[in-house]
Amino acid sequence: MAVGKNPGTHHVVPNAEGGWDVRRGGAARSSGHFDTKQDAVQRAREISRNADTELKIHNRDGRIAQSDSHGNDPRNIKG
């Protein structure tokens, strides 16, 4: 499964051999492997907050199901 090449993102993606991986955009290796999606998302949020990156959470089919911004937000929102 191809993961986006933007190094300003982290992704939670399904692993072909089972479980879930946390990967930085464009990285060949994962930052962590987890048995459950919930555990992977929890760790990915910690990593993404610390790195000020966007977090993309994928479904089992590879589509992005959810996206979280932890800094580096491209929109300029007043208020």
PDB file of N, CA and C in Angstrom:
ATOM      1  N   MET A   1       0.835  -1.169   0.000  1.00  0.00           N
ATOM      2  CA  MET A   1       0.000   0.000   0.000  1.00  0.00           C
ATOM      3  C   MET A   1       0.880   1.232   0.000  1.00  0.00           C
ATOM      4  N   ALA A   2       0.589   2.145  -0.884  1.00  0.00           N
ATOM      5  CA  ALA A   2       1.380   3.372  -0.965  1.00  0.00           C
ATOM      6  C   ALA A   2       0.890   4.365   0.071  1.00  0.00           C
ATOM      7  N   VAL A   3       1.815   4.961   0.750  1.00  0.00           N
ATOM      8  CA  VAL A   3       1.507   5.999   1.721  1.00  0.00           C
ATOM      9  C   VAL A   3       1.967   7.310   1.122  1.00  0.00           C
ATOM     10  N   GLY A   4       1.243   8.387   1.402  1.00  0.00           N
ATOM     11  CA  GLY A   4       1.593   9.700   0.868  1.00  0.00           C
ATOM     12  C   GLY A   4       3.059  10.039   1.096  1.00  0.00           C
ATOM     13  N   LYS A   5       3.599  10.862   0.239  1.00  0.00           N
ATOM     14  CA  LYS A   5       5.024  11.174   0.305  1.00  0.00           C
ATOM     15  C   LYS A   5       5.317  12.446   1.090  1.00  0.00           C
ATOM     16  N   ASN A   6       4.312  13.050   1.677  1.00  0.00           N
ATOM     17  CA  ASN A   6       4.512  14.282   2.415  1.00  0.00           C
ATOM     18  C   ASN A   6       5.104  13.967   3.786  1.00  0.00           C
ATOM     19  N   PRO A   7       6.347  14.411   4.053  1.00  0.00           N
ATOM     20  CA  PRO A   7       6.959  14.120   5.346  1.00  0.00           C
ATOM     21  C   PRO A   7       6.300  14.879   6.492  1.00  0.00           C
ATOM     22  N   GLY A   8       5.363  15.778   6.176  1.00  0.00           N
ATOM     23  CA  GLY A   8       4.632  16.504   7.199  1.00  0.00           C
ATOM     24  C   GLY A   8       3.387  15.779   7.651  1.00  0.00           C
ATOM     25  N   THR A   9       3.325  14.474   7.361  1.00  0.00           N
ATOM     26  CA  THR A   9       2.159  13.676   7.757  1.00  0.00           C
ATOM     27  C   THR A   9       2.593  12.385   8.446  1.00  0.00           C
ATOM     28  N   HIS A  10       1.701  11.862   9.240  1.00  0.00           N
ATOM     29  CA  HIS A  10       1.827  10.510   9.781  1.00  0.00           C
ATOM     30  C   HIS A  10       0.561   9.762   9.391  1.00  0.00           C
ATOM     31  N   HIS A  11       0.694   8.473   9.177  1.00  0.00           N
ATOM     32  CA  HIS A  11      -0.421   7.659   8.715  1.00  0.00           C
ATOM     33  C   HIS A  11      -0.586   6.422   9.590  1.00  0.00           C
ATOM     34  N   VAL A  12      -1.844   6.049   9.841  1.00  0.00           N
ATOM     35  CA  VAL A  12      -2.163   4.757  10.436  1.00  0.00           C
ATOM     36  C   VAL A  12      -2.678   3.915   9.276  1.00  0.00           C
ATOM     37  N   VAL A  13      -1.948   2.853   8.955  1.00  0.00           N
ATOM     38  CA  VAL A  13      -2.274   2.039   7.785  1.00  0.00           C
ATOM     39  C   VAL A  13      -2.328   0.563   8.159  1.00  0.00           C
ATOM     40  N   PRO A  14      -3.172  -0.208   7.449  1.00  0.00           N
ATOM     41  CA  PRO A  14      -3.204  -1.645   7.715  1.00  0.00           C
ATOM     42  C   PRO A  14      -1.918  -2.309   7.232  1.00  0.00           C
ATOM     43  N   ASN A  15      -1.466  -3.302   7.981  1.00  0.00           N
ATOM     44  CA  ASN A  15      -0.285  -4.064   7.607  1.00  0.00           C
ATOM     45  C   ASN A  15      -0.747  -5.299   6.838  1.00  0.00           C
ATOM     46  N   ALA A  16      -0.087  -5.625   5.754  1.00  0.00           N
ATOM     47  CA  ALA A  16      -0.472  -6.760   4.910  1.00  0.00           C
ATOM     48  C   ALA A  16      -0.442  -8.085   5.666  1.00  0.00           C
ATOM     49  N   GLU A  17       0.384  -8.175   6.695  1.00  0.00           N
ATOM     50  CA  GLU A  17       0.493  -9.412   7.473  1.00  0.00           C
ATOM     51  C   GLU A  17      -0.384  -9.403   8.712  1.00  0.00           C
ATOM     52  N   GLY A  18      -1.227  -8.384   8.846  1.00  0.00           N
ATOM     53  CA  GLY A  18      -2.123  -8.259   9.993  1.00  0.00           C
ATOM     54  C   GLY A  18      -1.704  -7.131  10.904  1.00  0.00           C
ATOM     55  N   GLY A  19      -2.670  -6.568  11.603  1.00  0.00           N
ATOM     56  CA  GLY A  19      -2.384  -5.470  12.507  1.00  0.00           C
ATOM     57  C   GLY A  19      -2.330  -4.139  11.777  1.00  0.00           C
ATOM     58  N   TRP A  20      -1.790  -3.148  12.464  1.00  0.00           N
ATOM     59  CA  TRP A  20      -1.755  -1.773  11.958  1.00  0.00           C
ATOM     60  C   TRP A  20      -0.389  -1.166  12.174  1.00  0.00           C
ATOM     61  N   ASP A  21       0.036  -0.315  11.239  1.00  0.00           N
ATOM     62  CA  ASP A  21       1.323   0.364  11.330  1.00  0.00           C
ATOM     63  C   ASP A  21       1.113   1.872  11.430  1.00  0.00           C
ATOM     64  N   VAL A  22       2.057   2.528  12.096  1.00  0.00           N
ATOM     65  CA  VAL A  22       2.135   3.980  12.117  1.00  0.00           C
ATOM     66  C   VAL A  22       3.355   4.339  11.283  1.00  0.00           C
ATOM     67  N   ARG A  23       3.149   5.173  10.246  1.00  0.00           N
ATOM     68  CA  ARG A  23       4.256   5.540   9.355  1.00  0.00           C
ATOM     69  C   ARG A  23       4.276   7.036   9.106  1.00  0.00           C
ATOM     70  N   ARG A  24       5.452   7.567   8.994  1.00  0.00           N
ATOM     71  CA  ARG A  24       5.613   8.958   8.563  1.00  0.00           C
ATOM     72  C   ARG A  24       5.467   8.971   7.042  1.00  0.00           C
ATOM     73  N   GLY A  25       4.868  10.007   6.494  1.00  0.00           N
ATOM     74  CA  GLY A  25       4.679  10.110   5.053  1.00  0.00           C
ATOM     75  C   GLY A  25       5.986   9.937   4.308  1.00  0.00           C
ATOM     76  N   GLY A  26       6.013   9.035   3.342  1.00  0.00           N
ATOM     77  CA  GLY A  26       7.194   8.792   2.529  1.00  0.00           C
ATOM     78  C   GLY A  26       8.186   7.809   3.111  1.00  0.00           C
ATOM     79  N   ALA A  27       7.975   7.361   4.345  1.00  0.00           N
ATOM     80  CA  ALA A  27       8.920   6.439   4.991  1.00  0.00           C
ATOM     81  C   ALA A  27       8.667   5.000   4.548  1.00  0.00           C
ATOM     82  N   ALA A  28       9.732   4.251   4.391  1.00  0.00           N
ATOM     83  CA  ALA A  28       9.617   2.842   4.016  1.00  0.00           C
ATOM     84  C   ALA A  28       9.336   1.968   5.244  1.00  0.00           C
ATOM     85  N   ARG A  29       9.887   2.387   6.385  1.00  0.00           N
ATOM     86  CA  ARG A  29       9.705   1.604   7.620  1.00  0.00           C
ATOM     87  C   ARG A  29       8.641   2.252   8.499  1.00  0.00           C
ATOM     88  N   SER A  30       7.997   1.434   9.293  1.00  0.00           N
ATOM     89  CA  SER A  30       6.974   1.974  10.186  1.00  0.00           C
ATOM     90  C   SER A  30       7.599   2.461  11.494  1.00  0.00           C
ATOM     91  N   SER A  31       6.906   3.401  12.125  1.00  0.00           N
ATOM     92  CA  SER A  31       7.325   3.903  13.434  1.00  0.00           C
ATOM     93  C   SER A  31       6.861   2.977  14.541  1.00  0.00           C
ATOM     94  N   GLY A  32       5.903   2.125  14.227  1.00  0.00           N
ATOM     95  CA  GLY A  32       5.402   1.172  15.208  1.00  0.00           C
ATOM     96  C   GLY A  32       4.384   0.249  14.590  1.00  0.00           C
ATOM     97  N   HIS A  33       4.265  -0.953  15.139  1.00  0.00           N
ATOM     98  CA  HIS A  33       3.290  -1.943  14.684  1.00  0.00           C
ATOM     99  C   HIS A  33       2.404  -2.308  15.870  1.00  0.00           C
ATOM    100  N   PHE A  34       1.097  -2.389  15.620  1.00  0.00           N
ATOM    101  CA  PHE A  34       0.140  -2.635  16.690  1.00  0.00           C
ATOM    102  C   PHE A  34      -0.878  -3.675  16.251  1.00  0.00           C
ATOM    103  N   ASP A  35      -1.380  -4.433  17.223  1.00  0.00           N
ATOM    104  CA  ASP A  35      -2.378  -5.457  16.921  1.00  0.00           C
ATOM    105  C   ASP A  35      -3.740  -4.850  16.612  1.00  0.00           C
ATOM    106  N   THR A  36      -4.075  -3.740  17.278  1.00  0.00           N
ATOM    107  CA  THR A  36      -5.384  -3.130  17.068  1.00  0.00           C
ATOM    108  C   THR A  36      -5.238  -1.732  16.478  1.00  0.00           C
ATOM    109  N   LYS A  37      -6.246  -1.342  15.722  1.00  0.00           N
ATOM    110  CA  LYS A  37      -6.265  -0.005  15.128  1.00  0.00           C
ATOM    111  C   LYS A  37      -6.314   1.051  16.229  1.00  0.00           C
ATOM    112  N   GLN A  38      -7.072   0.782  17.280  1.00  0.00           N
ATOM    113  CA  GLN A  38      -7.200   1.733  18.383  1.00  0.00           C
ATOM    114  C   GLN A  38      -5.845   2.039  19.015  1.00  0.00           C
ATOM    115  N   ASP A  39      -5.034   1.016  19.241  1.00  0.00           N
ATOM    116  CA  ASP A  39      -3.698   1.219  19.809  1.00  0.00           C
ATOM    117  C   ASP A  39      -2.806   2.014  18.850  1.00  0.00           C
ATOM    118  N   ALA A  40      -2.916   1.718  17.563  1.00  0.00           N
ATOM    119  CA  ALA A  40      -2.108   2.421  16.565  1.00  0.00           C
ATOM    120  C   ALA A  40      -2.499   3.892  16.495  1.00  0.00           C
ATOM    121  N   VAL A  41      -3.800   4.179  16.533  1.00  0.00           N
ATOM    122  CA  VAL A  41      -4.272   5.561  16.471  1.00  0.00           C
ATOM    123  C   VAL A  41      -3.817   6.334  17.703  1.00  0.00           C
ATOM    124  N   GLN A  42      -3.904   5.710  18.855  1.00  0.00           N
ATOM    125  CA  GLN A  42      -3.487   6.371  20.092  1.00  0.00           C
ATOM    126  C   GLN A  42      -2.009   6.771  20.029  1.00  0.00           C
ATOM    127  N   ARG A  43      -1.158   5.852  19.600  1.00  0.00           N
ATOM    128  CA  ARG A  43       0.273   6.145  19.499  1.00  0.00           C
ATOM    129  C   ARG A  43       0.558   7.156  18.381  1.00  0.00           C
ATOM    130  N   ALA A  44      -0.155   7.028  17.256  1.00  0.00           N
ATOM    131  CA  ALA A  44       0.042   7.949  16.137  1.00  0.00           C
ATOM    132  C   ALA A  44      -0.308   9.375  16.537  1.00  0.00           C
ATOM    133  N   ARG A  45      -1.347   9.541  17.351  1.00  0.00           N
ATOM    134  CA  ARG A  45      -1.717  10.886  17.809  1.00  0.00           C
ATOM    135  C   ARG A  45      -0.610  11.491  18.668  1.00  0.00           C
ATOM    136  N   GLU A  46      -0.003  10.680  19.526  1.00  0.00           N
ATOM    137  CA  GLU A  46       1.109  11.162  20.351  1.00  0.00           C
ATOM    138  C   GLU A  46       2.277  11.607  19.467  1.00  0.00           C
ATOM    139  N   ILE A  47       2.631  10.760  18.502  1.00  0.00           N
ATOM    140  CA  ILE A  47       3.750  11.059  17.604  1.00  0.00           C
ATOM    141  C   ILE A  47       3.442  12.314  16.789  1.00  0.00           C
ATOM    142  N   SER A  48       2.237  12.399  16.252  1.00  0.00           N
ATOM    143  CA  SER A  48       1.843  13.518  15.409  1.00  0.00           C
ATOM    144  C   SER A  48       1.831  14.832  16.186  1.00  0.00           C
ATOM    145  N   ARG A  49       1.356  14.793  17.418  1.00  0.00           N
ATOM    146  CA  ARG A  49       1.357  16.008  18.250  1.00  0.00           C
ATOM    147  C   ARG A  49       2.783  16.479  18.513  1.00  0.00           C
ATOM    148  N   ASN A  50       3.664  15.544  18.838  1.00  0.00           N
ATOM    149  CA  ASN A  50       5.052  15.896  19.126  1.00  0.00           C
ATOM    150  C   ASN A  50       5.784  16.440  17.902  1.00  0.00           C
ATOM    151  N   ALA A  51       5.418  15.953  16.726  1.00  0.00           N
ATOM    152  CA  ALA A  51       6.090  16.363  15.488  1.00  0.00           C
ATOM    153  C   ALA A  51       5.355  17.492  14.757  1.00  0.00           C
ATOM    154  N   ASP A  52       4.191  17.908  15.293  1.00  0.00           N
ATOM    155  CA  ASP A  52       3.373  18.947  14.638  1.00  0.00           C
ATOM    156  C   ASP A  52       3.057  18.587  13.194  1.00  0.00           C
ATOM    157  N   THR A  53       2.534  17.395  12.977  1.00  0.00           N
ATOM    158  CA  THR A  53       2.196  16.927  11.633  1.00  0.00           C
ATOM    159  C   THR A  53       0.707  16.649  11.510  1.00  0.00           C
ATOM    160  N   GLU A  54       0.264  16.443  10.289  1.00  0.00           N
ATOM    161  CA  GLU A  54      -1.094  15.997  10.011  1.00  0.00           C
ATOM    162  C   GLU A  54      -1.151  14.486  10.241  1.00  0.00           C
ATOM    163  N   LEU A  55      -2.276  13.999  10.737  1.00  0.00           N
ATOM    164  CA  LEU A  55      -2.462  12.566  10.950  1.00  0.00           C
ATOM    165  C   LEU A  55      -3.565  12.075  10.037  1.00  0.00           C
ATOM    166  N   LYS A  56      -3.256  11.061   9.247  1.00  0.00           N
ATOM    167  CA  LYS A  56      -4.226  10.444   8.339  1.00  0.00           C
ATOM    168  C   LYS A  56      -4.486   9.017   8.823  1.00  0.00           C
ATOM    169  N   ILE A  57      -5.746   8.720   9.136  1.00  0.00           N
ATOM    170  CA  ILE A  57      -6.119   7.394   9.627  1.00  0.00           C
ATOM    171  C   ILE A  57      -6.859   6.670   8.508  1.00  0.00           C
ATOM    172  N   HIS A  58      -6.293   5.555   8.076  1.00  0.00           N
ATOM    173  CA  HIS A  58      -6.834   4.798   6.946  1.00  0.00           C
ATOM    174  C   HIS A  58      -7.734   3.660   7.424  1.00  0.00           C
ATOM    175  N   ASN A  59      -8.675   3.264   6.544  1.00  0.00           N
ATOM    176  CA  ASN A  59      -9.490   2.070   6.774  1.00  0.00           C
ATOM    177  C   ASN A  59      -8.717   0.851   6.299  1.00  0.00           C
ATOM    178  N   ARG A  60      -9.283  -0.311   6.510  1.00  0.00           N
ATOM    179  CA  ARG A  60      -8.658  -1.561   6.074  1.00  0.00           C
ATOM    180  C   ARG A  60      -8.451  -1.577   4.563  1.00  0.00           C
ATOM    181  N   ASP A  61      -9.339  -0.904   3.812  1.00  0.00           N
ATOM    182  CA  ASP A  61      -9.215  -0.879   2.350  1.00  0.00           C
ATOM    183  C   ASP A  61      -8.205   0.158   1.855  1.00  0.00           C
ATOM    184  N   GLY A  62      -7.598   0.912   2.764  1.00  0.00           N
ATOM    185  CA  GLY A  62      -6.575   1.873   2.400  1.00  0.00           C
ATOM    186  C   GLY A  62      -7.061   3.303   2.240  1.00  0.00           C
ATOM    187  N   ARG A  63      -8.379   3.500   2.199  1.00  0.00           N
ATOM    188  CA  ARG A  63      -8.917   4.855   2.072  1.00  0.00           C
ATOM    189  C   ARG A  63      -8.744   5.628   3.379  1.00  0.00           C
ATOM    190  N   ILE A  64      -8.558   6.931   3.258  1.00  0.00           N
ATOM    191  CA  ILE A  64      -8.441   7.772   4.450  1.00  0.00           C
ATOM    192  C   ILE A  64      -9.829   7.940   5.052  1.00  0.00           C
ATOM    193  N   ALA A  65      -9.975   7.532   6.315  1.00  0.00           N
ATOM    194  CA  ALA A  65     -11.250   7.604   7.007  1.00  0.00           C
ATOM    195  C   ALA A  65     -11.345   8.857   7.863  1.00  0.00           C
ATOM    196  N   GLN A  66     -10.199   9.316   8.360  1.00  0.00           N
ATOM    197  CA  GLN A  66     -10.195  10.450   9.269  1.00  0.00           C
ATOM    198  C   GLN A  66      -8.869  11.179   9.146  1.00  0.00           C
ATOM    199  N   SER A  67      -8.915  12.480   9.381  1.00  0.00           N
ATOM    200  CA  SER A  67      -7.709  13.281   9.308  1.00  0.00           C
ATOM    201  C   SER A  67      -7.696  14.245  10.483  1.00  0.00           C
ATOM    202  N   ASP A  68      -6.577  14.324  11.184  1.00  0.00           N
ATOM    203  CA  ASP A  68      -6.427  15.222  12.326  1.00  0.00           C
ATOM    204  C   ASP A  68      -5.244  16.145  12.086  1.00  0.00           C
ATOM    205  N   SER A  69      -5.388  17.393  12.500  1.00  0.00           N
ATOM    206  CA  SER A  69      -4.308  18.356  12.369  1.00  0.00           C
ATOM    207  C   SER A  69      -3.689  18.603  13.740  1.00  0.00           C
ATOM    208  N   HIS A  70      -2.402  18.380  13.853  1.00  0.00           N
ATOM    209  CA  HIS A  70      -1.674  18.622  15.097  1.00  0.00           C
ATOM    210  C   HIS A  70      -0.570  19.631  14.822  1.00  0.00           C
ATOM    211  N   GLY A  71      -0.981  20.836  14.491  1.00  0.00           N
ATOM    212  CA  GLY A  71      -0.007  21.835  14.079  1.00  0.00           C
ATOM    213  C   GLY A  71       0.118  21.790  12.574  1.00  0.00           C
ATOM    214  N   ASN A  72       0.865  22.710  12.017  1.00  0.00           N
ATOM    215  CA  ASN A  72       1.070  22.736  10.581  1.00  0.00           C
ATOM    216  C   ASN A  72      -0.254  22.787   9.825  1.00  0.00           C
ATOM    217  N   ASP A  73      -1.261  23.449  10.402  1.00  0.00           N
ATOM    218  CA  ASP A  73      -2.576  23.546   9.782  1.00  0.00           C
ATOM    219  C   ASP A  73      -2.524  24.563   8.653  1.00  0.00           C
ATOM    220  N   PRO A  74      -2.867  24.169   7.431  1.00  0.00           N
ATOM    221  CA  PRO A  74      -2.764  25.078   6.293  1.00  0.00           C
ATOM    222  C   PRO A  74      -3.803  26.199   6.305  1.00  0.00           C
ATOM    223  N   ARG A  75      -4.886  26.059   7.061  1.00  0.00           N
ATOM    224  CA  ARG A  75      -5.938  27.073   7.080  1.00  0.00           C
ATOM    225  C   ARG A  75      -5.611  28.154   8.113  1.00  0.00           C
ATOM    226  N   ASN A  76      -5.956  29.375   7.793  1.00  0.00           N
ATOM    227  CA  ASN A  76      -5.783  30.491   8.700  1.00  0.00           C
ATOM    228  C   ASN A  76      -7.139  30.828   9.295  1.00  0.00           C
ATOM    229  N   ILE A  77      -7.403  30.378  10.509  1.00  0.00           N
ATOM    230  CA  ILE A  77      -8.701  30.551  11.146  1.00  0.00           C
ATOM    231  C   ILE A  77      -8.580  31.610  12.234  1.00  0.00           C
ATOM    232  N   LYS A  78      -9.427  32.628  12.152  1.00  0.00           N
ATOM    233  CA  LYS A  78      -9.412  33.668  13.175  1.00  0.00           C
ATOM    234  C   LYS A  78     -10.354  33.284  14.308  1.00  0.00           C
ATOM    235  N   GLY A  79     -10.026  33.733  15.496  1.00  0.00           N
ATOM    236  CA  GLY A  79     -10.931  33.528  16.629  1.00  0.00           C
ATOM    237  C   GLY A  79     -10.342  32.652  17.591  1.00  0.00           C
TER     238      GLY A  79
END
